[in-house]
Amino acid sequence: MLGLIFANAYAQTAAPAAEAPSAFMSMAPLIMVFAIFYILMLRPQQKRAQKQRDYLKSLEKGSEVYTNSGIIGKITAISEKVVTLELEGGTKIKILRSHIGGAVDEVLGNKTQPKKA
């Protein structure tokens, strides 16, 4: 009786082995995730950084700017790396050009109203 059971077990053939997926197909999801990450995260950051570099190159005397620390002032002197700002009370400070955040008009949106007498 046991002979019949073992005979049946040995008589069965194994299922053919499935073919392994190609190297490209196994890497495709990883490539897709990287592409989406690049499009959604890295590319916009590069554009913002390029826009900031262009703005810093175009600074000129008399522009009203804000610093990364929130100080607002008017540019009175510019060198390659240092900018001199004049603050509200006539105080002048020197800061690194790279620490300029942007134009005050961009943040406040030209909503400055004339002072009423």
N, C-alpha and C. Protein backbone atom coordinates (compact mmCIF):
# COMPACT_ATOMS: atom_id res chain seq x y z
N MET A 1 0.81 -1.17 0.00
CA MET A 1 0.00 0.00 0.00
C MET A 1 0.87 1.26 0.00
N LEU A 2 1.89 1.24 0.88
CA LEU A 2 2.79 2.39 0.89
C LEU A 2 3.52 2.53 -0.44
N GLY A 3 3.74 1.44 -1.06
CA GLY A 3 4.42 1.47 -2.35
C GLY A 3 3.63 2.25 -3.38
N LEU A 4 2.30 2.11 -3.36
CA LEU A 4 1.47 2.84 -4.31
C LEU A 4 1.49 4.35 -4.05
N ILE A 5 1.51 4.71 -2.78
CA ILE A 5 1.52 6.14 -2.43
C ILE A 5 2.84 6.77 -2.87
N PHE A 6 3.95 6.08 -2.57
CA PHE A 6 5.25 6.61 -2.96
C PHE A 6 5.42 6.59 -4.46
N ALA A 7 4.85 5.62 -5.12
CA ALA A 7 4.95 5.54 -6.57
C ALA A 7 4.24 6.74 -7.20
N ASN A 8 3.07 7.06 -6.66
CA ASN A 8 2.34 8.23 -7.18
C ASN A 8 3.12 9.52 -6.92
N ALA A 9 3.71 9.62 -5.74
CA ALA A 9 4.44 10.83 -5.39
C ALA A 9 5.64 11.02 -6.30
N TYR A 10 6.36 9.95 -6.61
CA TYR A 10 7.52 10.06 -7.47
C TYR A 10 7.14 10.20 -8.93
N ALA A 11 5.95 9.75 -9.30
CA ALA A 11 5.53 9.79 -10.70
C ALA A 11 5.14 11.21 -11.12
N GLN A 12 4.74 12.02 -10.16
CA GLN A 12 4.33 13.38 -10.52
C GLN A 12 5.55 14.19 -10.92
N THR A 13 5.39 14.97 -11.95
CA THR A 13 6.49 15.81 -12.41
C THR A 13 6.36 17.20 -11.78
N ALA A 14 7.45 17.82 -11.56
CA ALA A 14 7.45 19.16 -10.97
C ALA A 14 6.98 20.17 -12.01
N ALA A 15 6.33 21.21 -11.52
CA ALA A 15 5.87 22.27 -12.41
C ALA A 15 7.09 22.98 -12.98
N PRO A 16 6.99 23.42 -14.22
CA PRO A 16 8.14 24.12 -14.81
C PRO A 16 8.43 25.41 -14.02
N ALA A 17 9.70 25.70 -13.84
CA ALA A 17 10.10 26.89 -13.08
C ALA A 17 9.72 28.15 -13.85
N ALA A 18 9.21 29.12 -13.12
CA ALA A 18 8.84 30.39 -13.75
C ALA A 18 10.11 31.13 -14.15
N GLU A 19 10.01 31.83 -15.26
CA GLU A 19 11.18 32.59 -15.71
C GLU A 19 11.38 33.80 -14.80
N ALA A 20 12.62 34.11 -14.53
CA ALA A 20 12.94 35.27 -13.69
C ALA A 20 12.67 36.54 -14.49
N PRO A 21 12.13 37.57 -13.85
CA PRO A 21 11.88 38.82 -14.58
C PRO A 21 13.21 39.44 -15.03
N SER A 22 13.14 40.18 -16.11
CA SER A 22 14.36 40.80 -16.63
C SER A 22 14.87 41.85 -15.63
N ALA A 23 16.11 42.21 -15.78
CA ALA A 23 16.71 43.18 -14.86
C ALA A 23 16.00 44.53 -14.95
N PHE A 24 15.58 44.90 -16.16
CA PHE A 24 14.88 46.17 -16.32
C PHE A 24 13.55 46.18 -15.59
N MET A 25 12.81 45.09 -15.70
CA MET A 25 11.50 45.03 -15.07
C MET A 25 11.60 45.06 -13.54
N SER A 26 12.66 44.50 -13.00
CA SER A 26 12.80 44.54 -11.55
C SER A 26 13.28 45.92 -11.07
N MET A 27 13.94 46.68 -11.93
CA MET A 27 14.42 48.02 -11.57
C MET A 27 13.42 49.12 -11.95
N ALA A 28 12.43 48.81 -12.76
CA ALA A 28 11.49 49.82 -13.25
C ALA A 28 10.78 50.58 -12.12
N PRO A 29 10.27 49.93 -11.08
CA PRO A 29 9.61 50.71 -10.01
C PRO A 29 10.57 51.68 -9.32
N LEU A 30 11.80 51.27 -9.11
CA LEU A 30 12.77 52.15 -8.47
C LEU A 30 13.07 53.35 -9.36
N ILE A 31 13.20 53.12 -10.65
CA ILE A 31 13.45 54.21 -11.59
C ILE A 31 12.27 55.18 -11.61
N MET A 32 11.05 54.64 -11.58
CA MET A 32 9.85 55.48 -11.60
C MET A 32 9.78 56.35 -10.33
N VAL A 33 10.09 55.77 -9.18
CA VAL A 33 10.06 56.53 -7.92
C VAL A 33 11.08 57.66 -7.97
N PHE A 34 12.28 57.39 -8.47
CA PHE A 34 13.30 58.43 -8.57
C PHE A 34 12.87 59.53 -9.53
N ALA A 35 12.27 59.17 -10.66
CA ALA A 35 11.81 60.17 -11.63
C ALA A 35 10.73 61.07 -11.02
N ILE A 36 9.80 60.48 -10.31
CA ILE A 36 8.74 61.27 -9.67
C ILE A 36 9.33 62.17 -8.59
N PHE A 37 10.28 61.65 -7.81
CA PHE A 37 10.95 62.45 -6.78
C PHE A 37 11.66 63.64 -7.40
N TYR A 38 12.35 63.42 -8.53
CA TYR A 38 13.06 64.50 -9.21
C TYR A 38 12.09 65.57 -9.69
N ILE A 39 11.00 65.14 -10.31
CA ILE A 39 10.04 66.09 -10.87
C ILE A 39 9.35 66.89 -9.78
N LEU A 40 8.97 66.24 -8.71
CA LEU A 40 8.19 66.92 -7.67
C LEU A 40 9.02 67.66 -6.63
N MET A 41 10.26 67.22 -6.39
CA MET A 41 11.04 67.80 -5.29
C MET A 41 12.29 68.55 -5.76
N LEU A 42 13.13 67.91 -6.51
CA LEU A 42 14.43 68.50 -6.83
C LEU A 42 14.35 69.61 -7.86
N ARG A 43 13.59 69.43 -8.91
CA ARG A 43 13.53 70.42 -9.98
C ARG A 43 12.97 71.77 -9.50
N PRO A 44 11.87 71.80 -8.76
CA PRO A 44 11.39 73.10 -8.27
C PRO A 44 12.40 73.79 -7.35
N GLN A 45 13.10 73.02 -6.54
CA GLN A 45 14.11 73.61 -5.64
C GLN A 45 15.24 74.23 -6.45
N GLN A 46 15.66 73.56 -7.53
CA GLN A 46 16.71 74.11 -8.38
C GLN A 46 16.25 75.41 -9.04
N LYS A 47 15.00 75.47 -9.45
CA LYS A 47 14.48 76.69 -10.08
C LYS A 47 14.44 77.84 -9.08
N ARG A 48 14.01 77.56 -7.84
CA ARG A 48 13.99 78.62 -6.81
C ARG A 48 15.40 79.12 -6.51
N ALA A 49 16.35 78.21 -6.43
CA ALA A 49 17.73 78.60 -6.14
C ALA A 49 18.30 79.45 -7.27
N GLN A 50 18.01 79.09 -8.52
CA GLN A 50 18.49 79.85 -9.66
C GLN A 50 17.86 81.25 -9.68
N LYS A 51 16.57 81.33 -9.35
CA LYS A 51 15.89 82.62 -9.30
C LYS A 51 16.52 83.51 -8.22
N GLN A 52 16.86 82.94 -7.07
CA GLN A 52 17.49 83.71 -5.99
C GLN A 52 18.88 84.19 -6.39
N ARG A 53 19.66 83.32 -7.06
CA ARG A 53 21.00 83.73 -7.53
C ARG A 53 20.89 84.88 -8.52
N ASP A 54 19.93 84.79 -9.44
CA ASP A 54 19.74 85.86 -10.42
C ASP A 54 19.34 87.17 -9.73
N TYR A 55 18.48 87.06 -8.72
CA TYR A 55 18.05 88.26 -8.00
C TYR A 55 19.24 88.91 -7.29
N LEU A 56 20.07 88.11 -6.64
CA LEU A 56 21.22 88.66 -5.92
C LEU A 56 22.20 89.34 -6.87
N LYS A 57 22.32 88.83 -8.09
CA LYS A 57 23.21 89.46 -9.08
C LYS A 57 22.64 90.79 -9.56
N SER A 58 21.31 90.93 -9.54
CA SER A 58 20.68 92.13 -10.09
C SER A 58 20.43 93.21 -9.03
N LEU A 59 20.91 93.04 -7.82
CA LEU A 59 20.71 94.06 -6.78
C LEU A 59 21.36 95.37 -7.19
N GLU A 60 20.69 96.46 -6.86
CA GLU A 60 21.27 97.77 -7.16
C GLU A 60 21.02 98.73 -6.00
N LYS A 61 21.77 99.79 -6.01
CA LYS A 61 21.70 100.79 -4.95
C LYS A 61 20.30 101.42 -4.95
N GLY A 62 19.73 101.60 -3.76
CA GLY A 62 18.42 102.21 -3.64
C GLY A 62 17.27 101.21 -3.52
N SER A 63 17.53 99.93 -3.77
CA SER A 63 16.48 98.92 -3.67
C SER A 63 16.14 98.68 -2.20
N GLU A 64 14.87 98.47 -1.92
CA GLU A 64 14.44 98.15 -0.56
C GLU A 64 14.30 96.64 -0.47
N VAL A 65 15.06 96.04 0.45
CA VAL A 65 15.13 94.58 0.55
C VAL A 65 14.92 94.14 1.99
N TYR A 66 14.70 92.84 2.14
CA TYR A 66 14.65 92.25 3.48
C TYR A 66 15.72 91.17 3.55
N THR A 67 16.20 90.92 4.76
CA THR A 67 17.22 89.89 4.95
C THR A 67 16.55 88.60 5.38
N ASN A 68 17.32 87.53 5.40
CA ASN A 68 16.79 86.24 5.85
C ASN A 68 16.37 86.28 7.32
N SER A 69 16.92 87.21 8.07
CA SER A 69 16.54 87.32 9.48
C SER A 69 15.38 88.29 9.70
N GLY A 70 14.86 88.89 8.63
CA GLY A 70 13.68 89.74 8.74
C GLY A 70 13.94 91.22 8.83
N ILE A 71 15.17 91.66 8.68
CA ILE A 71 15.49 93.08 8.74
C ILE A 71 15.17 93.71 7.38
N ILE A 72 14.51 94.86 7.42
CA ILE A 72 14.16 95.57 6.19
C ILE A 72 14.99 96.84 6.11
N GLY A 73 15.56 97.10 4.93
CA GLY A 73 16.36 98.30 4.75
C GLY A 73 16.55 98.63 3.29
N LYS A 74 17.17 99.79 3.05
CA LYS A 74 17.44 100.25 1.70
C LYS A 74 18.93 100.11 1.43
N ILE A 75 19.28 99.58 0.26
CA ILE A 75 20.68 99.37 -0.08
C ILE A 75 21.34 100.72 -0.36
N THR A 76 22.46 100.97 0.35
CA THR A 76 23.21 102.20 0.13
C THR A 76 24.55 101.94 -0.54
N ALA A 77 25.08 100.74 -0.40
CA ALA A 77 26.35 100.38 -1.04
C ALA A 77 26.37 98.88 -1.29
N ILE A 78 27.00 98.50 -2.40
CA ILE A 78 27.08 97.08 -2.77
C ILE A 78 28.51 96.77 -3.20
N SER A 79 29.04 95.67 -2.68
CA SER A 79 30.29 95.13 -3.19
C SER A 79 30.00 93.70 -3.64
N GLU A 80 31.04 92.98 -4.00
CA GLU A 80 30.82 91.63 -4.52
C GLU A 80 30.15 90.72 -3.50
N LYS A 81 30.53 90.83 -2.22
CA LYS A 81 29.99 89.93 -1.20
C LYS A 81 29.25 90.63 -0.07
N VAL A 82 29.40 91.94 0.07
CA VAL A 82 28.81 92.66 1.20
C VAL A 82 27.87 93.75 0.70
N VAL A 83 26.74 93.89 1.40
CA VAL A 83 25.76 94.93 1.09
C VAL A 83 25.59 95.79 2.34
N THR A 84 25.54 97.10 2.16
CA THR A 84 25.28 98.01 3.27
C THR A 84 23.82 98.44 3.19
N LEU A 85 23.09 98.20 4.28
CA LEU A 85 21.68 98.57 4.34
C LEU A 85 21.50 99.75 5.28
N GLU A 86 20.62 100.67 4.90
CA GLU A 86 20.25 101.76 5.79
C GLU A 86 18.88 101.43 6.34
N LEU A 87 18.79 101.38 7.67
CA LEU A 87 17.55 101.04 8.34
C LEU A 87 16.73 102.30 8.61
N GLU A 88 15.58 102.14 9.23
CA GLU A 88 14.62 103.23 9.47
C GLU A 88 15.23 104.45 10.16
N GLY A 89 15.96 104.29 11.20
CA GLY A 89 16.48 105.42 11.97
C GLY A 89 17.78 105.99 11.43
N GLY A 90 18.18 105.62 10.25
CA GLY A 90 19.43 106.09 9.68
C GLY A 90 20.61 105.19 10.01
N THR A 91 20.36 104.13 10.74
CA THR A 91 21.41 103.17 11.10
C THR A 91 21.83 102.40 9.86
N LYS A 92 23.13 102.21 9.70
CA LYS A 92 23.64 101.44 8.57
C LYS A 92 24.26 100.15 9.10
N ILE A 93 23.95 99.06 8.43
CA ILE A 93 24.54 97.77 8.78
C ILE A 93 25.10 97.12 7.52
N LYS A 94 26.12 96.31 7.72
CA LYS A 94 26.69 95.55 6.61
C LYS A 94 26.29 94.09 6.79
N ILE A 95 25.82 93.49 5.71
CA ILE A 95 25.48 92.07 5.74
C ILE A 95 26.04 91.40 4.49
N LEU A 96 26.12 90.10 4.55
CA LEU A 96 26.56 89.36 3.37
C LEU A 96 25.48 89.42 2.30
N ARG A 97 25.90 89.54 1.07
CA ARG A 97 24.96 89.61 -0.05
C ARG A 97 24.08 88.36 -0.12
N SER A 98 24.65 87.23 0.25
CA SER A 98 23.91 85.96 0.17
C SER A 98 22.79 85.88 1.20
N HIS A 99 22.77 86.80 2.18
CA HIS A 99 21.73 86.78 3.22
C HIS A 99 20.55 87.69 2.89
N ILE A 100 20.55 88.26 1.70
CA ILE A 100 19.39 89.04 1.25
C ILE A 100 18.30 88.05 0.87
N GLY A 101 17.12 88.24 1.42
CA GLY A 101 16.00 87.32 1.15
C GLY A 101 15.24 87.68 -0.11
N GLY A 102 15.05 88.96 -0.36
CA GLY A 102 14.30 89.38 -1.54
C GLY A 102 13.88 90.83 -1.42
N ALA A 103 13.07 91.25 -2.39
CA ALA A 103 12.57 92.62 -2.42
C ALA A 103 11.38 92.74 -1.48
N VAL A 104 11.29 93.87 -0.81
CA VAL A 104 10.18 94.11 0.12
C VAL A 104 8.86 94.14 -0.64
N ASP A 105 8.86 94.70 -1.84
CA ASP A 105 7.63 94.78 -2.64
C ASP A 105 7.05 93.41 -2.93
N GLU A 106 7.90 92.39 -3.11
CA GLU A 106 7.41 91.03 -3.37
C GLU A 106 6.64 90.50 -2.17
N VAL A 107 7.11 90.80 -0.98
CA VAL A 107 6.48 90.28 0.23
C VAL A 107 5.26 91.09 0.62
N LEU A 108 5.41 92.41 0.63
CA LEU A 108 4.31 93.27 1.07
C LEU A 108 3.32 93.57 -0.06
N GLY A 109 3.73 93.38 -1.29
CA GLY A 109 2.83 93.53 -2.43
C GLY A 109 2.44 94.95 -2.77
N ASN A 110 3.35 95.89 -2.77
CA ASN A 110 3.09 97.28 -3.18
C ASN A 110 1.85 97.88 -2.51
N LYS A 111 1.58 97.51 -1.29
CA LYS A 111 0.42 98.03 -0.58
C LYS A 111 0.79 99.19 0.33
N THR A 112 1.90 99.81 0.03
CA THR A 112 2.30 100.94 0.86
C THR A 112 1.42 102.13 0.53
N GLN A 113 0.83 102.71 1.53
CA GLN A 113 -0.06 103.85 1.35
C GLN A 113 0.66 105.10 1.82
N PRO A 114 0.39 106.21 1.17
CA PRO A 114 1.03 107.45 1.61
C PRO A 114 0.57 107.82 3.02
N LYS A 115 1.49 108.44 3.76
CA LYS A 115 1.17 108.84 5.13
C LYS A 115 0.19 110.00 5.12
N LYS A 116 -0.81 109.92 5.96
CA LYS A 116 -1.80 110.99 6.06
C LYS A 116 -1.30 112.03 7.06
N ALA A 117 -1.46 113.31 6.70
CA ALA A 117 -0.99 114.39 7.57
C ALA A 117 -1.97 114.71 8.66
